[in-house]
Protein backbone atom coordinates (compact mmCIF):
# COMPACT_ATOMS: atom_id res chain seq x y z
CA MET A 1 15.39 -34.55 -20.87
CA ALA A 2 13.18 -34.15 -23.88
CA LYS A 3 14.78 -33.65 -27.24
CA GLU A 4 13.24 -30.17 -27.71
CA GLU A 5 15.02 -28.98 -24.64
CA PHE A 6 18.48 -29.56 -26.18
CA ARG A 7 20.02 -26.17 -26.70
CA VAL A 8 23.17 -25.40 -28.92
CA TYR A 9 25.05 -22.08 -29.42
CA ASN A 10 24.61 -21.00 -33.09
CA SER A 11 27.53 -19.03 -34.33
CA MET A 12 25.33 -17.36 -37.04
CA THR A 13 22.95 -15.85 -34.37
CA GLN A 14 25.56 -15.69 -31.58
CA GLN A 15 23.14 -17.21 -29.10
CA LYS A 16 21.86 -20.50 -27.72
CA GLU A 17 18.90 -21.99 -29.45
CA VAL A 18 16.55 -24.81 -28.97
CA PHE A 19 17.60 -27.47 -31.31
CA THR A 20 14.95 -28.37 -33.72
CA PRO A 21 15.92 -30.52 -36.71
CA LYS A 22 14.36 -29.84 -40.09
CA GLU A 23 12.88 -33.40 -40.28
CA PRO A 24 11.55 -34.75 -37.02
CA GLY A 25 13.64 -37.67 -35.66
CA LYS A 26 16.49 -37.14 -38.19
CA VAL A 27 19.57 -34.85 -38.12
CA GLY A 28 21.96 -33.99 -41.02
CA MET A 29 25.42 -32.86 -39.85
CA TYR A 30 28.45 -31.90 -41.67
CA VAL A 31 31.88 -31.28 -40.12
CA CYS A 32 34.97 -30.01 -41.91
CA GLY A 33 37.86 -32.63 -41.76
CA ILE A 34 41.46 -32.44 -42.35
CA THR A 35 43.81 -31.69 -45.20
CA ALA A 36 45.63 -34.87 -45.53
CA TYR A 37 49.28 -34.11 -45.82
CA ASP A 38 50.76 -34.85 -42.55
CA PHE A 39 50.05 -36.52 -39.06
CA SER A 40 47.13 -34.78 -37.38
CA HIS A 41 47.66 -32.67 -34.35
CA ILE A 42 45.66 -32.16 -31.09
CA GLY A 43 43.77 -29.35 -32.62
CA HIS A 44 42.38 -31.68 -35.06
CA ALA A 45 41.76 -34.18 -32.31
CA ARG A 46 39.71 -31.57 -30.38
CA ALA A 47 37.42 -30.85 -33.23
CA ALA A 48 36.93 -34.68 -33.98
CA VAL A 49 36.31 -35.66 -30.32
CA ASN A 50 33.91 -32.73 -29.65
CA PHE A 51 31.65 -33.40 -32.72
CA ASP A 52 31.99 -37.16 -31.98
CA VAL A 53 30.44 -36.31 -28.51
CA LEU A 54 27.66 -34.37 -30.34
CA TYR A 55 27.07 -37.26 -32.65
CA ARG A 56 26.87 -39.78 -29.81
CA TYR A 57 24.51 -37.47 -27.80
CA LEU A 58 22.11 -36.96 -30.69
CA LYS A 59 21.99 -40.65 -31.11
CA HIS A 60 21.52 -41.05 -27.35
CA LEU A 61 18.50 -38.73 -27.71
CA GLY A 62 17.04 -41.20 -30.21
CA TYR A 63 17.79 -39.24 -33.47
CA GLU A 64 18.80 -40.83 -36.72
CA VAL A 65 21.89 -39.05 -37.62
CA THR A 66 23.58 -38.66 -40.92
CA TYR A 67 27.08 -37.40 -40.18
CA VAL A 68 29.39 -36.22 -42.98
CA ARG A 69 33.14 -35.47 -42.38
CA ASN A 70 35.25 -34.82 -45.40
CA PHE A 71 38.89 -35.24 -46.40
CA THR A 72 40.65 -32.70 -48.40
CA ASP A 73 42.95 -34.63 -50.68
CA VAL A 74 43.40 -31.98 -53.32
CA ASP A 75 45.27 -28.96 -52.09
CA ASP A 76 48.37 -26.71 -52.32
CA LYS A 77 50.04 -28.16 -49.15
CA ILE A 78 49.53 -31.73 -50.43
CA ILE A 79 51.09 -30.96 -53.74
CA ARG A 80 53.88 -29.01 -52.03
CA ARG A 81 54.65 -31.84 -49.61
CA ALA A 82 54.52 -34.50 -52.39
CA ASN A 83 56.97 -32.58 -54.55
CA GLU A 84 59.37 -32.25 -51.56
CA SER A 85 59.19 -36.07 -50.92
CA GLY A 86 59.03 -37.16 -54.68
CA GLU A 87 55.69 -38.91 -53.90
CA ASN A 88 52.52 -38.97 -55.84
CA PRO A 89 50.17 -36.54 -54.18
CA PHE A 90 47.18 -38.92 -54.03
CA THR A 91 49.42 -41.61 -52.52
CA LEU A 92 50.64 -39.30 -49.91
CA SER A 93 47.16 -37.76 -49.09
CA ASP A 94 45.70 -41.46 -48.91
CA ARG A 95 48.41 -42.39 -46.49
CA PHE A 96 47.61 -39.68 -44.17
CA CYS A 97 43.86 -40.22 -44.53
CA GLN A 98 44.54 -43.77 -43.18
CA GLU A 99 46.73 -42.40 -40.45
CA TYR A 100 43.97 -39.99 -39.33
CA LEU A 101 41.47 -42.83 -39.32
CA SER A 102 43.83 -44.79 -37.06
CA ASP A 103 44.05 -41.86 -34.73
CA MET A 104 40.35 -41.51 -34.74
CA ALA A 105 39.95 -45.17 -33.75
CA ASP A 106 42.43 -44.77 -30.95
CA LEU A 107 40.42 -41.81 -29.61
CA GLN A 108 37.10 -43.87 -29.88
CA CYS A 109 35.52 -41.51 -32.40
CA LEU A 110 32.59 -43.29 -34.07
CA SER A 111 32.91 -43.50 -37.91
CA PRO A 112 30.82 -40.95 -39.68
CA THR A 113 28.17 -42.03 -42.01
CA HIS A 114 30.06 -40.65 -44.99
CA GLN A 115 33.74 -39.51 -45.25
CA PRO A 116 33.95 -38.14 -48.85
CA ARG A 117 37.24 -37.09 -50.50
CA VAL A 118 37.47 -34.13 -52.73
CA SER A 119 38.97 -36.26 -55.57
CA ASP A 120 35.83 -38.41 -55.69
CA HIS A 121 33.51 -35.46 -56.12
CA LEU A 122 34.80 -33.39 -58.96
CA GLU A 123 31.60 -33.64 -60.98
CA GLN A 124 29.49 -32.25 -57.97
CA ILE A 125 32.08 -29.43 -57.64
CA LYS A 126 32.17 -28.50 -61.26
CA ASP A 127 28.21 -28.53 -61.39
CA MET A 128 28.07 -26.09 -58.40
CA ILE A 129 30.64 -23.73 -59.99
CA THR A 130 28.66 -23.89 -63.17
CA GLN A 131 25.46 -22.75 -61.19
CA ILE A 132 27.31 -19.89 -59.53
CA ILE A 133 28.64 -18.67 -62.82
CA LYS A 134 25.16 -18.99 -64.49
CA LYS A 135 23.69 -16.76 -61.73
CA GLU A 136 26.45 -14.25 -62.16
CA TYR A 137 28.07 -14.73 -58.76
CA GLY A 138 31.40 -16.14 -60.38
CA TYR A 139 33.60 -14.90 -63.32
CA VAL A 140 36.26 -16.72 -65.38
CA VAL A 141 39.83 -15.24 -65.81
CA ASP A 142 42.37 -17.11 -67.82
CA GLY A 143 41.05 -20.52 -66.78
CA ASP A 144 40.50 -19.57 -63.20
CA VAL A 145 37.11 -18.96 -61.66
CA PHE A 146 36.58 -16.49 -58.89
CA PHE A 147 33.50 -15.68 -56.62
CA SER A 148 32.49 -12.23 -56.72
CA VAL A 149 31.89 -11.09 -53.01
CA ASP A 150 30.37 -7.83 -54.18
CA LYS A 151 27.53 -9.78 -55.80
CA PHE A 152 26.59 -11.29 -52.52
CA PRO A 153 25.06 -8.49 -50.18
CA ASN A 154 25.11 -10.74 -47.11
CA TYR A 155 28.77 -11.52 -47.27
CA GLY A 156 30.07 -11.33 -43.75
CA GLN A 157 26.79 -12.35 -41.99
CA LEU A 158 28.47 -15.38 -40.26
CA SER A 159 31.81 -13.89 -39.25
CA GLY A 160 30.83 -10.23 -38.86
CA GLN A 161 33.59 -9.26 -41.26
CA LYS A 162 33.06 -6.12 -43.31
CA LEU A 163 34.24 -6.10 -47.02
CA GLU A 164 35.77 -2.66 -46.53
CA ASN A 165 38.10 -4.05 -43.86
CA HIS A 166 39.56 -6.65 -46.17
CA ARG A 167 43.02 -5.86 -47.53
CA ALA A 168 44.83 -7.66 -50.29
CA GLY A 169 47.27 -10.13 -48.97
CA GLU A 170 45.66 -10.70 -45.65
CA ARG A 171 44.25 -14.30 -45.73
CA VAL A 172 43.59 -13.90 -49.48
CA ALA A 173 46.07 -14.15 -52.32
CA VAL A 174 46.92 -10.87 -53.94
CA ASP A 175 45.79 -11.16 -57.68
CA SER A 176 45.37 -8.10 -59.84
CA ARG A 177 42.84 -10.03 -62.07
CA LYS A 178 40.36 -10.04 -59.18
CA ARG A 179 37.47 -7.57 -59.33
CA ASN A 180 37.62 -7.29 -55.52
CA PRO A 181 40.81 -8.27 -53.49
CA ALA A 182 38.33 -10.42 -51.19
CA ASP A 183 37.27 -12.53 -54.21
CA PHE A 184 38.14 -16.22 -53.83
CA ALA A 185 39.01 -18.97 -56.18
CA LEU A 186 36.29 -21.59 -57.10
CA TRP A 187 38.55 -23.20 -59.69
CA LYS A 188 42.31 -22.91 -60.38
CA ALA A 189 43.84 -23.20 -63.70
CA ALA A 190 46.17 -26.18 -64.24
CA LYS A 191 49.87 -25.59 -63.49
CA PRO A 192 52.79 -27.79 -64.61
CA GLY A 193 53.42 -30.67 -62.37
CA GLU A 194 50.08 -30.31 -60.50
CA PRO A 195 47.00 -32.73 -60.69
CA SER A 196 44.26 -31.33 -62.83
CA TRP A 197 40.84 -32.29 -64.29
CA GLU A 198 39.06 -31.13 -67.44
CA SER A 199 36.32 -28.49 -66.84
CA PRO A 200 34.33 -25.99 -68.99
CA TRP A 201 36.92 -23.39 -68.15
CA GLY A 202 39.99 -25.51 -68.95
CA PRO A 203 42.00 -28.05 -67.09
CA GLY A 204 42.48 -27.22 -63.42
CA ARG A 205 41.42 -28.25 -59.85
CA PRO A 206 38.96 -26.96 -57.27
CA GLY A 207 39.60 -24.11 -54.79
CA TRP A 208 39.45 -25.05 -51.08
CA HIS A 209 35.93 -23.53 -50.08
CA ILE A 210 33.91 -24.98 -52.89
CA GLU A 211 34.82 -28.58 -51.90
CA CYS A 212 32.68 -28.44 -48.61
CA SER A 213 29.78 -26.62 -50.17
CA ALA A 214 29.44 -29.24 -53.03
CA MET A 215 29.97 -32.34 -50.83
CA SER A 216 27.56 -31.18 -47.93
CA ALA A 217 24.97 -30.51 -50.65
CA HIS A 218 25.55 -33.83 -52.30
CA TYR A 219 25.02 -35.84 -48.98
CA LEU A 220 22.67 -33.55 -47.12
CA THR A 221 21.05 -31.36 -49.64
CA PHE A 222 21.40 -27.51 -49.56
CA ARG A 223 19.16 -27.40 -46.35
CA PHE A 224 20.49 -29.42 -43.36
CA ASP A 225 20.79 -29.03 -39.64
CA ILE A 226 24.41 -28.59 -38.31
CA HIS A 227 27.57 -27.46 -39.90
CA GLY A 228 30.68 -27.73 -37.71
CA GLY A 229 34.38 -27.06 -37.40
CA GLY A 230 37.14 -25.15 -35.68
CA ILE A 231 36.59 -21.55 -34.64
CA ASP A 232 39.30 -20.54 -36.97
CA LEU A 233 37.17 -21.73 -39.95
CA ILE A 234 34.35 -19.09 -39.40
CA PHE A 235 36.38 -16.85 -41.70
CA PRO A 236 37.14 -17.08 -44.42
CA HIS A 237 36.17 -20.83 -45.07
CA HIS A 238 32.67 -20.99 -43.64
CA GLU A 239 31.85 -17.40 -44.66
CA ASN A 240 32.66 -18.43 -48.12
CA GLU A 241 30.75 -21.66 -47.95
CA VAL A 242 27.49 -19.55 -47.05
CA ALA A 243 28.10 -17.28 -50.07
CA GLN A 244 28.78 -20.09 -52.45
CA SER A 245 25.97 -22.37 -51.29
CA CYS A 246 23.44 -19.42 -51.43
CA ALA A 247 24.58 -18.43 -54.78
CA ALA A 248 24.23 -21.90 -56.18
CA CYS A 249 20.93 -22.46 -54.61
CA GLN A 250 18.77 -19.57 -53.23
CA GLU A 251 16.99 -22.01 -50.84
CA SER A 252 20.35 -23.01 -49.12
CA LYS A 253 20.02 -22.88 -45.34
CA ILE A 254 21.98 -24.38 -42.48
CA SER A 255 20.20 -24.25 -39.31
CA TYR A 256 23.08 -24.24 -36.70
CA TRP A 257 26.71 -23.32 -37.11
CA MET A 258 28.85 -24.84 -34.34
CA HIS A 259 32.45 -24.09 -33.69
CA ASN A 260 35.01 -25.60 -31.10
CA GLY A 261 37.60 -23.31 -29.50
CA HIS A 262 41.46 -23.19 -29.99
CA VAL A 263 43.83 -25.48 -28.20
CA THR A 264 46.66 -23.42 -26.62
CA ASN A 265 50.02 -24.55 -25.24
CA ASN A 266 50.85 -23.10 -21.72
CA ASN A 267 48.42 -20.42 -22.57
CA GLU A 268 49.90 -19.52 -25.84
CA LYS A 269 47.98 -20.24 -29.01
CA MET A 270 49.48 -23.20 -30.83
CA SER A 271 51.11 -22.14 -34.13
CA LYS A 272 53.73 -23.26 -36.58
CA SER A 273 55.80 -20.18 -35.95
CA LEU A 274 56.20 -20.93 -32.30
CA GLY A 275 56.93 -24.72 -32.96
CA ASN A 276 54.57 -25.66 -30.26
CA PHE A 277 52.17 -28.15 -32.10
CA PHE A 278 52.10 -31.70 -31.02
CA THR A 279 50.66 -34.56 -33.06
CA ILE A 280 48.12 -36.95 -31.70
CA ARG A 281 50.65 -39.64 -32.06
CA GLN A 282 53.18 -37.85 -29.88
CA ILE A 283 50.61 -37.53 -27.14
CA THR A 284 49.26 -41.13 -27.37
CA GLU A 285 52.85 -42.52 -27.33
CA ARG A 286 53.09 -41.36 -23.73
CA TYR A 287 49.41 -41.22 -22.55
CA HIS A 288 46.63 -43.53 -23.10
CA PRO A 289 44.13 -42.31 -25.88
CA LEU A 290 41.35 -42.32 -23.30
CA VAL A 291 43.36 -39.72 -21.32
CA LEU A 292 43.70 -37.43 -24.30
CA ARG A 293 40.02 -37.79 -25.03
CA HIS A 294 39.17 -37.12 -21.39
CA PHE A 295 41.42 -34.00 -21.45
CA LEU A 296 39.85 -32.71 -24.81
CA ILE A 297 36.27 -32.71 -23.26
CA SER A 298 37.34 -31.22 -19.86
CA ALA A 299 36.69 -27.70 -21.06
CA HIS A 300 33.39 -26.57 -22.77
CA TYR A 301 33.96 -27.05 -26.45
CA ARG A 302 33.72 -23.45 -27.35
CA SER A 303 36.17 -22.34 -24.81
CA PRO A 304 40.01 -22.32 -25.31
CA LEU A 305 41.68 -25.37 -23.96
CA ASN A 306 45.08 -25.07 -22.50
CA TYR A 307 47.49 -28.04 -23.06
CA THR A 308 49.87 -28.66 -20.23
CA ILE A 309 51.65 -31.93 -19.07
CA SER A 310 50.01 -31.46 -15.63
CA GLN A 311 46.54 -31.43 -17.30
CA LEU A 312 47.27 -34.81 -18.94
CA ASP A 313 48.68 -36.30 -15.73
CA SER A 314 45.56 -35.24 -13.98
CA ALA A 315 43.38 -36.73 -16.61
CA SER A 316 45.34 -39.92 -16.59
CA ASP A 317 44.84 -40.29 -12.96
CA THR A 318 41.15 -39.65 -13.22
CA VAL A 319 40.72 -42.38 -15.94
CA TYR A 320 42.71 -44.73 -13.81
CA TYR A 321 40.45 -44.19 -10.92
CA ILE A 322 37.29 -44.55 -13.01
CA TYR A 323 38.42 -47.95 -14.39
CA GLN A 324 39.92 -49.33 -11.18
CA THR A 325 36.50 -48.47 -9.45
CA LEU A 326 34.68 -50.35 -12.33
CA GLN A 327 37.09 -53.38 -12.12
CA ASP A 328 36.68 -53.59 -8.31
CA CYS A 329 32.88 -53.47 -8.82
CA GLU A 330 33.08 -56.20 -11.42
CA ASP A 331 35.32 -58.40 -9.36
CA ALA A 332 32.82 -58.02 -6.32
CA LEU A 333 29.81 -58.78 -8.54
CA SER A 334 31.35 -61.78 -10.03
CA GLN A 335 31.45 -63.38 -6.65
CA HIS A 336 27.77 -63.17 -6.45
CA GLN A 337 26.82 -64.72 -9.80
CA GLY A 338 23.75 -66.89 -9.64
CA GLU A 339 22.02 -64.92 -7.00
CA ASN A 340 18.75 -63.07 -7.67
CA LEU A 341 20.24 -60.05 -9.53
CA THR A 342 19.58 -58.21 -12.67
CA ASP A 343 22.53 -56.87 -14.81
CA GLY A 344 20.83 -53.73 -15.47
CA LEU A 345 20.07 -54.94 -18.98
CA GLY A 346 18.52 -58.48 -18.71
CA LYS A 347 15.78 -59.99 -16.47
CA THR A 348 15.58 -62.30 -13.62
CA THR A 349 12.65 -63.93 -11.86
CA LYS A 350 13.24 -61.61 -8.84
CA LYS A 351 14.84 -58.18 -8.46
CA ASP A 352 16.20 -57.12 -5.07
CA PRO A 353 15.39 -53.52 -4.12
CA VAL A 354 18.25 -50.97 -4.41
CA SER A 355 19.00 -48.82 -1.40
CA SER A 356 17.55 -45.33 -1.12
CA ALA A 357 21.18 -44.01 -1.24
CA ALA A 358 21.70 -45.73 -4.57
CA GLU A 359 18.48 -44.44 -6.00
CA GLU A 360 19.45 -40.90 -4.97
CA CYS A 361 22.92 -41.37 -6.49
CA ILE A 362 21.47 -42.46 -9.74
CA SER A 363 18.75 -39.77 -9.83
CA ASN A 364 21.42 -37.08 -9.28
CA LEU A 365 23.92 -38.48 -11.75
CA ARG A 366 21.19 -38.82 -14.47
CA SER A 367 19.78 -35.35 -13.83
CA GLU A 368 23.06 -33.55 -13.92
CA PHE A 369 24.21 -35.42 -16.97
CA GLN A 370 21.07 -34.55 -18.85
CA THR A 371 21.02 -30.94 -17.76
CA ARG A 372 24.54 -30.26 -18.66
CA MET A 373 24.51 -32.13 -21.95
CA ALA A 374 21.30 -30.35 -22.95
CA ASP A 375 22.94 -27.01 -22.23
CA ASP A 376 25.08 -26.73 -25.32
CA LEU A 377 27.14 -29.97 -24.61
CA ASN A 378 28.57 -28.76 -21.34
CA THR A 379 30.95 -31.59 -20.85
CA ALA A 380 33.27 -29.55 -18.63
CA HIS A 381 31.96 -30.72 -15.23
CA ILE A 382 30.23 -33.98 -16.02
CA LEU A 383 32.94 -36.24 -14.79
CA THR A 384 33.15 -34.19 -11.54
CA GLY A 385 30.28 -33.70 -9.11
CA THR A 386 27.74 -36.47 -8.99
CA PHE A 387 29.86 -38.72 -11.22
CA GLN A 388 32.57 -38.71 -8.58
CA GLU A 389 29.80 -39.15 -5.94
CA ALA A 390 28.75 -42.34 -7.85
CA LEU A 391 32.20 -43.69 -7.92
CA LYS A 392 32.58 -42.95 -4.14
CA PHE A 393 29.27 -44.71 -3.65
CA ILE A 394 30.55 -47.81 -5.35
CA ASN A 395 33.80 -47.83 -3.34
CA SER A 396 31.94 -47.30 0.02
CA THR A 397 29.49 -50.01 -0.80
CA LEU A 398 32.41 -52.45 -1.81
CA ALA A 399 34.00 -51.67 1.60
CA SER A 400 30.61 -52.49 3.47
CA LEU A 401 30.34 -55.73 1.41
CA LYS A 402 33.56 -56.95 2.90
CA LYS A 403 31.94 -56.89 6.30
CA LYS A 404 29.25 -59.58 7.48
CA GLN A 405 25.84 -58.29 6.42
CA PRO A 406 22.34 -59.82 6.56
CA LYS A 407 21.52 -61.73 3.30
CA LYS A 408 18.69 -59.24 2.35
CA GLN A 409 20.89 -56.23 2.92
CA GLN A 410 23.67 -57.80 1.07
CA LEU A 411 21.58 -58.60 -1.95
CA SER A 412 20.29 -55.00 -1.95
CA MET A 413 23.76 -53.60 -1.80
CA ILE A 414 24.86 -55.83 -4.66
CA GLN A 415 21.82 -54.76 -6.90
CA SER A 416 22.66 -51.25 -6.00
CA LEU A 417 26.11 -51.70 -7.35
CA VAL A 418 24.67 -53.16 -10.51
CA ASN A 419 22.42 -50.20 -11.20
CA VAL A 420 24.87 -47.41 -10.33
CA LYS A 421 27.56 -49.12 -12.37
CA LYS A 422 25.04 -49.26 -15.42
CA GLU A 423 24.29 -45.55 -15.11
CA LEU A 424 28.06 -44.80 -14.96
CA ARG A 425 28.70 -46.85 -18.08
CA GLU A 426 25.98 -44.93 -19.92
CA VAL A 427 27.46 -41.61 -19.11
CA LEU A 428 30.93 -42.88 -20.27
CA ASP A 429 29.53 -44.34 -23.35
CA VAL A 430 27.90 -41.06 -24.55
CA LEU A 431 31.25 -39.26 -23.68
CA GLY A 432 33.11 -41.92 -25.78
CA LEU A 433 35.11 -42.89 -22.61
CA LEU A 434 33.89 -46.58 -22.40
CA SER A 435 36.65 -48.58 -23.94
CA SER A 436 36.03 -51.75 -25.97
CA PHE A 437 38.81 -53.34 -23.97
CA THR A 438 38.14 -54.94 -20.63
CA TYR A 439 38.65 -52.79 -17.48
CA SER A 440 41.71 -54.81 -16.52
CA GLU A 441 43.14 -54.35 -20.01
CA VAL A 442 42.64 -50.64 -19.91
CA LEU A 443 44.31 -50.47 -16.43
CA GLN A 444 47.27 -52.44 -17.59
CA GLN A 445 47.61 -50.06 -20.69
CA LEU A 446 47.51 -47.05 -18.37
CA LYS A 447 50.27 -48.64 -16.21
CA ASP A 448 52.34 -49.34 -19.46
CA LYS A 449 52.17 -45.70 -20.41
CA ALA A 450 53.02 -44.62 -16.92
CA LEU A 451 56.14 -46.78 -17.09
CA LYS A 452 57.09 -45.25 -20.36
CA ARG A 453 56.85 -41.70 -18.97
CA ALA A 454 58.95 -42.85 -16.01
CA ARG A 455 61.40 -44.54 -18.39
CA MET A 456 61.18 -47.66 -16.38
CA VAL A 457 60.11 -51.19 -16.78
CA GLU A 458 57.97 -53.15 -14.22
CA ASP A 459 60.91 -55.13 -13.10
CA ASP A 460 62.58 -51.94 -11.87
CA ILE A 461 59.56 -51.07 -9.72
CA LEU A 462 59.27 -54.59 -8.32
CA ARG A 463 63.05 -54.51 -7.43
CA LEU A 464 62.44 -51.17 -5.63
CA ILE A 465 59.42 -52.59 -4.00
CA GLU A 466 61.70 -55.40 -2.53
CA ASP A 467 64.34 -52.89 -1.60
CA ARG A 468 61.81 -50.90 0.31
CA THR A 469 60.41 -53.97 2.02
CA GLN A 470 63.78 -54.93 3.18
CA ALA A 471 64.51 -51.30 4.32
CA ARG A 472 61.37 -51.43 6.49
CA LYS A 473 62.46 -54.75 7.92
CA ASN A 474 65.80 -53.14 8.81
CA LYS A 475 63.90 -50.15 10.24
CA ASP A 476 65.54 -48.02 7.66
CA PHE A 477 62.46 -45.91 7.30
CA ALA A 478 64.40 -42.94 5.67
CA ARG A 479 65.42 -45.15 2.72
CA SER A 480 61.83 -46.57 2.62
CA ASP A 481 60.26 -43.18 2.50
CA ASN A 482 62.87 -42.08 -0.01
CA ILE A 483 62.07 -44.88 -2.45
CA ARG A 484 58.35 -44.17 -2.19
CA ALA A 485 58.97 -40.34 -2.59
CA GLU A 486 61.16 -40.68 -5.67
CA LEU A 487 58.82 -43.12 -7.44
CA SER A 488 56.01 -40.50 -6.73
CA TYR A 489 58.17 -38.01 -8.39
CA LEU A 490 58.14 -40.25 -11.40
CA GLY A 491 54.28 -40.69 -11.39
CA ILE A 492 54.45 -44.01 -9.72
CA ALA A 493 52.46 -44.60 -6.43
CA LEU A 494 53.33 -47.45 -3.97
CA MET A 495 50.25 -48.71 -1.93
CA ASP A 496 50.56 -51.02 1.13
CA VAL A 497 47.69 -53.50 1.00
CA GLY A 498 47.92 -55.82 4.03
CA LYS A 499 51.24 -57.36 3.86
CA GLU A 500 51.61 -56.73 -0.01
CA THR A 501 52.83 -53.61 -1.75
CA ILE A 502 51.32 -52.83 -5.09
CA TRP A 503 51.77 -49.95 -7.55
CA ARG A 504 49.66 -47.71 -9.67
CA PRO A 505 50.14 -44.60 -11.74
CA CYS A 506 49.70 -41.23 -10.05
CA VAL A 507 50.15 -37.59 -10.69
CA PRO A 508 53.76 -36.83 -10.29
CA VAL A 509 54.52 -35.33 -6.90
CA GLU A 510 57.46 -32.74 -6.31
CA LEU A 511 60.23 -33.98 -4.08
CA ALA A 512 60.73 -32.61 -0.69
CA PRO A 513 63.70 -30.18 -0.09
CA LEU A 514 67.06 -31.73 -0.03
CA PRO A 515 68.23 -33.35 3.31
CA PRO A 516 71.10 -31.97 5.48
CA PRO A 517 74.35 -32.01 3.81
CA SER A 518 75.55 -35.07 5.90
CA GLU A 519 72.77 -37.14 4.32
CA GLN A 520 73.10 -35.99 0.82
CA ASN A 521 75.87 -38.47 -0.11
CA LYS A 522 73.59 -41.37 0.31
CA PRO A 523 72.84 -43.24 -3.08
CA SER A 524 69.40 -42.48 -4.65
CA PRO A 525 67.34 -45.65 -5.08
CA VAL A 526 65.91 -44.30 -8.42
CA GLU A 527 68.04 -42.89 -11.11
CA GLN A 528 67.35 -39.33 -11.07
CA LYS A 529 66.92 -37.13 -14.02
CA PRO A 530 66.10 -33.43 -14.07
CA LYS A 531 62.41 -32.65 -13.49
CA GLU A 532 62.18 -31.05 -16.95
CA GLN A 533 63.53 -34.16 -18.64
CA GLN A 534 61.32 -36.58 -16.70
CA LEU A 535 58.13 -34.63 -17.48
CA ALA A 536 59.28 -32.89 -20.78
CA GLN A 537 56.68 -32.29 -23.30
CA PRO A 538 56.96 -34.21 -26.56
CA PRO A 539 59.24 -32.67 -29.03
CA ALA A 540 57.56 -30.07 -31.09
CA VAL A 541 57.12 -30.62 -34.84
CA GLU A 542 56.36 -28.04 -37.57
CA LEU A 543 52.72 -28.49 -38.49
CA GLU A 544 50.29 -26.14 -40.27
CA GLY A 545 47.32 -25.14 -38.16
CA SER A 546 43.77 -25.59 -39.39
CA SER A 547 43.70 -21.86 -40.47
CA ARG A 548 44.21 -21.57 -44.20
CA ALA A 549 44.76 -18.69 -46.55
CA ASN A 550 42.36 -17.92 -49.30
CA SER A 551 43.42 -18.05 -52.84
C-alpha cells in the first residue's frame, strides 16, 4: 500500500487523517518516556511497544525516521525516592534508566534515534523559559516561574478542557501566588536537599511539562510530525506542551498527536490505590517477553487493554505455535538444501514455480497486513485470519511432503514453503515478534517459562511420561488419562507421536469433576495446588501510574 494511504487517528482533530510528513520521505517522532525512579510497569510497556510498532512500520514504508523518546531524570518522585533510600537522585534515576533499557531490549523495542535526559538539556530548557517570559506568557514569583494559561486563548484545544472547569487542587498544586489556579510551573525555586541549577530567576530546577517541549524542539525543531504518549498524558501534560511550545515559538506545529489506551486489570483500571500494577519484570519472570509483546498488540493501540492471566496464557500458546511451525518448516527445508531453490532473498540459476495455493496465501496475507496496518495501525487481528491460514498452509504442505511426490511437485511445494515463510517473517518483523534467537532457542525458552509457571522441572515431566507409559502398558488407562489431565491443568500438554511421547506448553485446562468417592483416595500423580495458586497473578507492587499532577 502506498505511503500516502497510511491513516492515523489525530487526537487534536479527533479523526483519522492521511499521514503526510512535513518533509517527503522523512518523519520526526517524539514519544514521552518514563520518569526513572522504579521498575517500569506494563502500562509503560504498552506505550513503548505500540510506538515501536509505529516506528517499525514507518521504516517498513521506506521513511527515514528520527525517533526521540526521553527520560525524566529530574522530578519530585525521584528526589523523594532517593531521600527514602539515602541514594543520590541521579544515581537512582540512572539505574532505573538502565533497567528500563534492559526491559525494552527484552521486549524487542528498537532503540530510538535519541534518548535525551532532562539533566543534559538544562540550557535548552532555560532558553525556552526565557522566551516564554519575554513574550509575556510566563511570570516570576519568588524564584518560581509559572505559565499564565489566561494569556493563551487556545488552552484546552487538545484535551477539550475548559479553564472555567479547573479547580485548585485537582491535578494542579494549590498555590495562592498563581494568577490562575490552572497556571503551571516552568521553573521551581531550589529547596534544601534537592538538586538545582543556576538560572536567571535564581537556583532551581525545571517543571515537568517544559522538559518535553524543550527536548522535542531541540531534536526535531518546533515543527515535526508525530507526538505520542499514553492517553492520560493528553491533560495536563500534552495540553501544557502545546501552550508552552506555541508561546515560545509562534510557528510551533505538531501534525499528529497519537495516544495509546490504558491497561486494565480484570477490567479495572490499573492504579496505585488498588495495588494492581505489575512490573514488566514480574510478567517476564513467568512469561516469555515475546508473549507480553504479543499480548500488548492484541488490541488496537487506542483501545483499553484488559490484563488477565488467561490472556497471557493464550498469547503464549499462539507464540509457541508460530515458532513451532517455523521450526518445522526450517527442518524440512534443511533436508532439501542444494536443490534448485531460492531462499526468498538470494538468487539461484533456476526457480521452481510456487503453487497457486501458495500464491493466494501470500497475496491474502500481504493484502490483509497492509490494509490493517494502514488503517491506524490496527494490529488487533493481524495475527489471526490470513496469518493463521498461512501457518496452516505450511503445516499441511509439510504433511504432504512426507508422502511420496513427483519430483517437480515436490520442488514446487518446497519453494512454496520458502515464499510463505518469508512473508510470515516479514509480518513478524514489522510487529517486532521476530526474535534474534533461533526458532529452537525461542521454543526452549517458552518451555522453560511454562515449567516455571507449573513449578516443575523437566525431569518431573519426563518421570510422569514414564509413569504414564507404564500405566498404558498395564492397561491402567484411568491413571494414564489422569496424568495427562493434571499436567494439562498446569499448562503442560502431552503429545503421542508414534511410539514417543513429547510435551509442549499449552493453555491450562480445567480439571474434570471429581471421580466417585470410591476412586478419590487414589494418589494424584501430580502434586496438586489450589487453582488460584497455580495460576496466581504476580504479586502486586505499589507503583505510580503515568498520570502526574501539575505543580
